Amino acid sequence: SILVHLSRGGAEVQMYAPDVPQMHVIDHSKGQPAEAESRNVLVESARIARGKIASLAKLTTADHDAVIFPGGFGAAKNLSTFAVDGKDCKVNREVERVLKDFHKAGKPIGLCCISPVLAAKVLSGAEVTVGHEEEEGGKWPYAGTAGAIKELGGKHCVKEAVFSLTPFYEAHVDTKNKVVTTPAFMCETELHNIFDGIGTMVKNVLKLTGK
């Protein structure tokens, strides 16, 4: 979704991933870890990137106007230890470096789904959203993440993942820190709502670049 919206926005894109082993490999047909199997995050990311990808260690602010982190459990398992350690998590060293470098350079940072926890951990006081703070009968199954964000030192802002009275899908823009976030799959909703919410995030990131 992020790549489609960046393409429509006319952005030139370079993809990166950390060159580290995955926490574990999941057999998604069973929803269980595949025992005795290991994979590399960079190698696996190359499937999505169609080979056009580099090690995250090579990412510098000088070469880019903004950075966007996709969400998914990979952000909680491989970019950080949030899936295991919650508020006591550690962030991958290169991910932390990139977040701090872009923040210091005053360049926009976009995050969606679970990845806003990365900003909450690394950028003290950052305003982010993962949607709602209550499960609401299963509509927001990961609502507890909002509490963890507060414990990490971030400020959580409640946002919708679906169409509201305003003619757009919601994202939160922390103008001070230039951090843009949207709930995405944190909400149990139709896929097109998630796609459009991510589009709002990407649009705001591109707007903040001033280009």
C-alpha atoms as a PDB file:
ATOM      1  CA  SER A   1       0.000   0.000   0.000  1.00  0.00           C
ATOM      2  CA  ILE A   2       2.774   2.424   0.891  1.00  0.00           C
ATOM      3  CA  LEU A   3       4.585   1.783  -2.379  1.00  0.00           C
ATOM      4  CA  VAL A   4       1.423   2.334  -4.435  1.00  0.00           C
ATOM      5  CA  HIS A   5       0.681   5.648  -2.749  1.00  0.00           C
ATOM      6  CA  LEU A   6       4.298   6.809  -3.062  1.00  0.00           C
ATOM      7  CA  SER A   7       4.208   5.937  -6.748  1.00  0.00           C
ATOM      8  CA  ARG A   8       0.987   7.908  -7.236  1.00  0.00           C
ATOM      9  CA  GLY A   9       2.543  10.802  -5.343  1.00  0.00           C
ATOM     10  CA  GLY A  10       5.443  10.916  -7.786  1.00  0.00           C
ATOM     11  CA  ALA A  11       8.073   9.985  -5.200  1.00  0.00           C
ATOM     12  CA  GLU A  12      11.373   8.319  -6.011  1.00  0.00           C
ATOM     13  CA  VAL A  13      11.756   5.359  -3.677  1.00  0.00           C
ATOM     14  CA  GLN A  14      14.645   3.339  -2.297  1.00  0.00           C
ATOM     15  CA  MET A  15      13.910   0.406  -0.009  1.00  0.00           C
ATOM     16  CA  TYR A  16      16.007  -0.795   2.905  1.00  0.00           C
ATOM     17  CA  ALA A  17      15.881  -3.570   5.493  1.00  0.00           C
ATOM     18  CA  PRO A  18      18.138  -4.634   8.365  1.00  0.00           C
ATOM     19  CA  ASP A  19      20.543  -7.441   7.499  1.00  0.00           C
ATOM     20  CA  VAL A  20      19.674  -9.600  10.515  1.00  0.00           C
ATOM     21  CA  PRO A  21      18.043 -12.991  11.154  1.00  0.00           C
ATOM     22  CA  GLN A  22      14.270 -13.031  11.630  1.00  0.00           C
ATOM     23  CA  MET A  23      13.051 -13.624  15.174  1.00  0.00           C
ATOM     24  CA  HIS A  24      11.346 -16.748  13.810  1.00  0.00           C
ATOM     25  CA  VAL A  25       9.702 -17.988  10.630  1.00  0.00           C
ATOM     26  CA  ILE A  26       5.895 -18.254  10.572  1.00  0.00           C
ATOM     27  CA  ASP A  27       3.921 -20.857   8.656  1.00  0.00           C
ATOM     28  CA  HIS A  28       0.964 -18.598   7.849  1.00  0.00           C
ATOM     29  CA  SER A  29      -1.230 -21.517   6.779  1.00  0.00           C
ATOM     30  CA  LYS A  30      -1.139 -22.666  10.399  1.00  0.00           C
ATOM     31  CA  GLY A  31      -0.386 -19.403  12.178  1.00  0.00           C
ATOM     32  CA  GLN A  32       2.510 -21.080  13.953  1.00  0.00           C
ATOM     33  CA  PRO A  33       6.310 -20.805  13.943  1.00  0.00           C
ATOM     34  CA  ALA A  34       8.059 -23.165  11.531  1.00  0.00           C
ATOM     35  CA  GLU A  35      10.500 -25.124  13.646  1.00  0.00           C
ATOM     36  CA  ALA A  36      14.122 -25.554  12.537  1.00  0.00           C
ATOM     37  CA  GLU A  37      13.785 -22.898   9.826  1.00  0.00           C
ATOM     38  CA  SER A  38      15.573 -19.551   9.695  1.00  0.00           C
ATOM     39  CA  ARG A  39      15.470 -16.602   7.311  1.00  0.00           C
ATOM     40  CA  ASN A  40      17.195 -13.263   6.892  1.00  0.00           C
ATOM     41  CA  VAL A  41      15.119 -10.057   7.094  1.00  0.00           C
ATOM     42  CA  LEU A  42      16.933  -8.384   4.175  1.00  0.00           C
ATOM     43  CA  VAL A  43      16.629 -11.476   1.978  1.00  0.00           C
ATOM     44  CA  GLU A  44      12.911 -11.855   2.737  1.00  0.00           C
ATOM     45  CA  SER A  45      12.290  -8.136   2.185  1.00  0.00           C
ATOM     46  CA  ALA A  46      13.835  -8.449  -1.261  1.00  0.00           C
ATOM     47  CA  ARG A  47      10.780 -10.477  -2.332  1.00  0.00           C
ATOM     48  CA  ILE A  48       8.509  -7.483  -1.723  1.00  0.00           C
ATOM     49  CA  ALA A  49      11.067  -5.031  -3.087  1.00  0.00           C
ATOM     50  CA  ARG A  50      11.544  -7.165  -6.219  1.00  0.00           C
ATOM     51  CA  GLY A  51      15.255  -7.176  -5.510  1.00  0.00           C
ATOM     52  CA  LYS A  52      15.660  -3.393  -5.388  1.00  0.00           C
ATOM     53  CA  ILE A  53      16.722  -3.176  -1.773  1.00  0.00           C
ATOM     54  CA  ALA A  54      19.796  -2.359   0.308  1.00  0.00           C
ATOM     55  CA  SER A  55      20.975  -2.887   3.856  1.00  0.00           C
ATOM     56  CA  LEU A  56      19.485  -0.402   6.310  1.00  0.00           C
ATOM     57  CA  ALA A  57      23.032   0.410   7.392  1.00  0.00           C
ATOM     58  CA  LYS A  58      23.442   2.292   4.085  1.00  0.00           C
ATOM     59  CA  LEU A  59      20.472   4.633   4.629  1.00  0.00           C
ATOM     60  CA  THR A  60      21.482   8.260   5.226  1.00  0.00           C
ATOM     61  CA  THR A  61      19.459  11.448   5.602  1.00  0.00           C
ATOM     62  CA  ALA A  62      21.615  13.192   3.011  1.00  0.00           C
ATOM     63  CA  ASP A  63      20.203  10.988   0.247  1.00  0.00           C
ATOM     64  CA  HIS A  64      16.507  11.172   1.192  1.00  0.00           C
ATOM     65  CA  ASP A  65      13.751  13.689   1.936  1.00  0.00           C
ATOM     66  CA  ALA A  66      11.744  11.376   4.238  1.00  0.00           C
ATOM     67  CA  VAL A  67      11.566   7.859   5.619  1.00  0.00           C
ATOM     68  CA  ILE A  68       8.540   5.572   6.041  1.00  0.00           C
ATOM     69  CA  PHE A  69       8.376   2.403   8.126  1.00  0.00           C
ATOM     70  CA  PRO A  70       5.723  -0.202   7.235  1.00  0.00           C
ATOM     71  CA  GLY A  71       3.970  -1.961  10.084  1.00  0.00           C
ATOM     72  CA  GLY A  72       3.124  -5.607  10.622  1.00  0.00           C
ATOM     73  CA  PHE A  73       4.463  -8.006  13.210  1.00  0.00           C
ATOM     74  CA  GLY A  74       7.904  -7.691  11.602  1.00  0.00           C
ATOM     75  CA  ALA A  75       8.179  -4.217  13.141  1.00  0.00           C
ATOM     76  CA  ALA A  76       7.405  -5.690  16.556  1.00  0.00           C
ATOM     77  CA  LYS A  77       9.617  -8.760  16.151  1.00  0.00           C
ATOM     78  CA  ASN A  78      12.520  -7.811  13.879  1.00  0.00           C
ATOM     79  CA  LEU A  79      12.780  -4.006  13.979  1.00  0.00           C
ATOM     80  CA  SER A  80      12.279  -4.153  17.743  1.00  0.00           C
ATOM     81  CA  THR A  81      11.531  -6.613  20.536  1.00  0.00           C
ATOM     82  CA  PHE A  82       8.113  -5.059  21.279  1.00  0.00           C
ATOM     83  CA  ALA A  83       6.233  -8.309  20.569  1.00  0.00           C
ATOM     84  CA  VAL A  84       8.112  -9.992  23.422  1.00  0.00           C
ATOM     85  CA  ASP A  85       9.100  -7.174  25.770  1.00  0.00           C
ATOM     86  CA  GLY A  86       6.325  -4.577  25.377  1.00  0.00           C
ATOM     87  CA  LYS A  87       7.201  -1.274  27.041  1.00  0.00           C
ATOM     88  CA  ASP A  88      10.636  -2.649  27.937  1.00  0.00           C
ATOM     89  CA  CYS A  89      11.483  -3.329  24.299  1.00  0.00           C
ATOM     90  CA  LYS A  90      14.708  -2.590  22.512  1.00  0.00           C
ATOM     91  CA  VAL A  91      14.856  -1.155  18.992  1.00  0.00           C
ATOM     92  CA  ASN A  92      17.204  -2.485  16.316  1.00  0.00           C
ATOM     93  CA  ARG A  93      20.345  -0.354  16.365  1.00  0.00           C
ATOM     94  CA  GLU A  94      20.084   0.740  12.726  1.00  0.00           C
ATOM     95  CA  VAL A  95      16.355   1.489  13.036  1.00  0.00           C
ATOM     96  CA  GLU A  96      17.068   3.669  16.058  1.00  0.00           C
ATOM     97  CA  ARG A  97      19.865   5.454  14.211  1.00  0.00           C
ATOM     98  CA  VAL A  98      17.665   6.184  11.205  1.00  0.00           C
ATOM     99  CA  LEU A  99      14.801   7.516  13.338  1.00  0.00           C
ATOM    100  CA  LYS A 100      17.113   9.784  15.314  1.00  0.00           C
ATOM    101  CA  ASP A 101      18.986  10.987  12.218  1.00  0.00           C
ATOM    102  CA  PHE A 102      15.823  11.938  10.306  1.00  0.00           C
ATOM    103  CA  HIS A 103      14.350  13.595  13.392  1.00  0.00           C
ATOM    104  CA  LYS A 104      17.521  15.600  13.989  1.00  0.00           C
ATOM    105  CA  ALA A 105      17.584  16.635  10.315  1.00  0.00           C
ATOM    106  CA  GLY A 106      13.966  17.803  10.544  1.00  0.00           C
ATOM    107  CA  LYS A 107      12.879  15.377   7.829  1.00  0.00           C
ATOM    108  CA  PRO A 108       9.467  13.635   7.933  1.00  0.00           C
ATOM    109  CA  ILE A 109       8.984  10.147   9.368  1.00  0.00           C
ATOM    110  CA  GLY A 110       5.942   8.046   8.451  1.00  0.00           C
ATOM    111  CA  LEU A 111       4.824   4.947  10.359  1.00  0.00           C
ATOM    112  CA  CYS A 112       1.723   2.756  10.216  1.00  0.00           C
ATOM    113  CA  CYS A 113       0.074  -0.126  12.022  1.00  0.00           C
ATOM    114  CA  ILE A 114       2.289  -1.267  14.959  1.00  0.00           C
ATOM    115  CA  SER A 115       5.427   0.637  13.860  1.00  0.00           C
ATOM    116  CA  PRO A 116       4.517   3.895  15.697  1.00  0.00           C
ATOM    117  CA  VAL A 117       5.853   2.170  18.831  1.00  0.00           C
ATOM    118  CA  LEU A 118       9.316   2.623  17.298  1.00  0.00           C
ATOM    119  CA  ALA A 119       8.937   6.401  17.335  1.00  0.00           C
ATOM    120  CA  ALA A 120       7.417   6.347  20.827  1.00  0.00           C
ATOM    121  CA  LYS A 121      10.458   4.432  22.095  1.00  0.00           C
ATOM    122  CA  VAL A 122      13.157   6.388  20.278  1.00  0.00           C
ATOM    123  CA  LEU A 123      11.747   9.934  20.000  1.00  0.00           C
ATOM    124  CA  SER A 124      10.736  11.068  23.467  1.00  0.00           C
ATOM    125  CA  GLY A 125       7.379  12.847  23.531  1.00  0.00           C
ATOM    126  CA  ALA A 126       6.443  12.046  19.943  1.00  0.00           C
ATOM    127  CA  GLU A 127       2.722  12.103  19.153  1.00  0.00           C
ATOM    128  CA  VAL A 128       1.535   8.939  17.390  1.00  0.00           C
ATOM    129  CA  THR A 129      -1.597   6.895  16.803  1.00  0.00           C
ATOM    130  CA  VAL A 130      -2.391   3.205  16.617  1.00  0.00           C
ATOM    131  CA  GLY A 131      -6.130   3.933  16.497  1.00  0.00           C
ATOM    132  CA  HIS A 132      -8.354   3.465  19.545  1.00  0.00           C
ATOM    133  CA  GLU A 133      -7.507   2.750  23.172  1.00  0.00           C
ATOM    134  CA  GLU A 134     -10.311   0.233  23.833  1.00  0.00           C
ATOM    135  CA  GLU A 135     -10.920  -3.077  22.026  1.00  0.00           C
ATOM    136  CA  GLU A 136     -14.574  -2.234  21.397  1.00  0.00           C
ATOM    137  CA  GLY A 137     -15.760  -5.800  20.994  1.00  0.00           C
ATOM    138  CA  GLY A 138     -12.785  -6.900  18.921  1.00  0.00           C
ATOM    139  CA  LYS A 139     -12.801  -4.046  16.415  1.00  0.00           C
ATOM    140  CA  TRP A 140      -9.474  -2.867  17.848  1.00  0.00           C
ATOM    141  CA  PRO A 141      -7.795  -6.149  18.948  1.00  0.00           C
ATOM    142  CA  TYR A 142      -4.433  -4.505  19.655  1.00  0.00           C
ATOM    143  CA  ALA A 143      -5.790  -1.505  21.585  1.00  0.00           C
ATOM    144  CA  GLY A 144      -3.460  -2.265  24.485  1.00  0.00           C
ATOM    145  CA  THR A 145      -0.614  -0.946  22.345  1.00  0.00           C
ATOM    146  CA  ALA A 146      -1.845   2.587  23.049  1.00  0.00           C
ATOM    147  CA  GLY A 147      -1.117   2.096  26.749  1.00  0.00           C
ATOM    148  CA  ALA A 148       2.353   0.783  25.981  1.00  0.00           C
ATOM    149  CA  ILE A 149       3.035   3.860  23.836  1.00  0.00           C
ATOM    150  CA  LYS A 150       2.244   6.073  26.824  1.00  0.00           C
ATOM    151  CA  GLU A 151       4.536   3.997  29.044  1.00  0.00           C
ATOM    152  CA  LEU A 152       7.273   4.388  26.441  1.00  0.00           C
ATOM    153  CA  GLY A 153       7.016   8.162  26.838  1.00  0.00           C
ATOM    154  CA  GLY A 154       4.988   8.870  23.705  1.00  0.00           C
ATOM    155  CA  LYS A 155       1.656  10.647  23.428  1.00  0.00           C
ATOM    156  CA  HIS A 156      -1.156   8.572  21.942  1.00  0.00           C
ATOM    157  CA  CYS A 157      -3.834  10.274  19.836  1.00  0.00           C
ATOM    158  CA  VAL A 158      -7.082   8.415  19.074  1.00  0.00           C
ATOM    159  CA  LYS A 159      -7.771   8.176  15.344  1.00  0.00           C
ATOM    160  CA  GLU A 160     -10.110   6.241  13.099  1.00  0.00           C
ATOM    161  CA  ALA A 161      -9.108   3.680  10.484  1.00  0.00           C
ATOM    162  CA  VAL A 162     -12.347   4.035   8.545  1.00  0.00           C
ATOM    163  CA  PHE A 163     -14.237   6.729   6.696  1.00  0.00           C
ATOM    164  CA  SER A 164     -15.547   9.401   9.056  1.00  0.00           C
ATOM    165  CA  LEU A 165     -17.553  12.592   8.662  1.00  0.00           C
ATOM    166  CA  THR A 166     -14.504  14.243   7.162  1.00  0.00           C
ATOM    167  CA  PRO A 167     -13.705  13.371   3.527  1.00  0.00           C
ATOM    168  CA  PHE A 168     -10.499  11.449   4.236  1.00  0.00           C
ATOM    169  CA  TYR A 169      -9.164   8.519   6.192  1.00  0.00           C
ATOM    170  CA  GLU A 170      -7.345   9.547   9.294  1.00  0.00           C
ATOM    171  CA  ALA A 171      -3.694   9.893  10.108  1.00  0.00           C
ATOM    172  CA  HIS A 172      -2.119  11.848  12.927  1.00  0.00           C
ATOM    173  CA  VAL A 173       0.418  14.517  12.068  1.00  0.00           C
ATOM    174  CA  ASP A 174       2.845  15.528  14.808  1.00  0.00           C
ATOM    175  CA  THR A 175       3.932  18.779  13.192  1.00  0.00           C
ATOM    176  CA  LYS A 176       6.583  19.522  15.824  1.00  0.00           C
ATOM    177  CA  ASN A 177       8.438  16.239  15.307  1.00  0.00           C
ATOM    178  CA  LYS A 178       7.308  15.710  11.682  1.00  0.00           C
ATOM    179  CA  VAL A 179       6.013  12.243  12.548  1.00  0.00           C
ATOM    180  CA  VAL A 180       2.947  10.948  10.655  1.00  0.00           C
ATOM    181  CA  THR A 181       1.112   7.799  11.765  1.00  0.00           C
ATOM    182  CA  THR A 182      -2.033   5.841  10.863  1.00  0.00           C
ATOM    183  CA  PRO A 183      -3.657   2.711  12.426  1.00  0.00           C
ATOM    184  CA  ALA A 184      -3.851   0.437   9.337  1.00  0.00           C
ATOM    185  CA  PHE A 185      -4.226  -3.221  10.408  1.00  0.00           C
ATOM    186  CA  MET A 186      -4.585  -2.317  14.079  1.00  0.00           C
ATOM    187  CA  CYS A 187      -8.293  -2.168  13.191  1.00  0.00           C
ATOM    188  CA  GLU A 188     -10.513  -5.006  11.999  1.00  0.00           C
ATOM    189  CA  THR A 189     -11.972  -3.281   8.940  1.00  0.00           C
ATOM    190  CA  GLU A 190     -12.219  -3.642   5.174  1.00  0.00           C
ATOM    191  CA  LEU A 191      -8.954  -3.694   3.271  1.00  0.00           C
ATOM    192  CA  HIS A 192      -9.765  -0.588   1.222  1.00  0.00           C
ATOM    193  CA  ASN A 193     -10.140   1.433   4.441  1.00  0.00           C
ATOM    194  CA  ILE A 194      -6.667   0.391   5.515  1.00  0.00           C
ATOM    195  CA  PHE A 195      -5.291   1.198   2.067  1.00  0.00           C
ATOM    196  CA  ASP A 196      -6.833   4.679   2.104  1.00  0.00           C
ATOM    197  CA  GLY A 197      -5.661   5.395   5.650  1.00  0.00           C
ATOM    198  CA  ILE A 198      -2.112   4.559   4.603  1.00  0.00           C
ATOM    199  CA  GLY A 199      -2.620   6.880   1.632  1.00  0.00           C
ATOM    200  CA  THR A 200      -3.456   9.735   4.003  1.00  0.00           C
ATOM    201  CA  MET A 201      -0.257   9.049   5.935  1.00  0.00           C
ATOM    202  CA  VAL A 202       1.866   8.987   2.765  1.00  0.00           C
ATOM    203  CA  LYS A 203       0.240  12.173   1.456  1.00  0.00           C
ATOM    204  CA  ASN A 204       1.059  14.014   4.669  1.00  0.00           C
ATOM    205  CA  VAL A 205       4.645  12.750   4.698  1.00  0.00           C
ATOM    206  CA  LEU A 206       5.157  13.990   1.143  1.00  0.00           C
ATOM    207  CA  LYS A 207       3.543  17.319   2.042  1.00  0.00           C
ATOM    208  CA  LEU A 208       5.920  17.776   4.955  1.00  0.00           C
ATOM    209  CA  THR A 209       8.919  17.409   2.644  1.00  0.00           C
ATOM    210  CA  GLY A 210       7.873  20.692   1.017  1.00  0.00           C
ATOM    211  CA  LYS A 211       8.580  19.318  -2.446  1.00  0.00           C
END
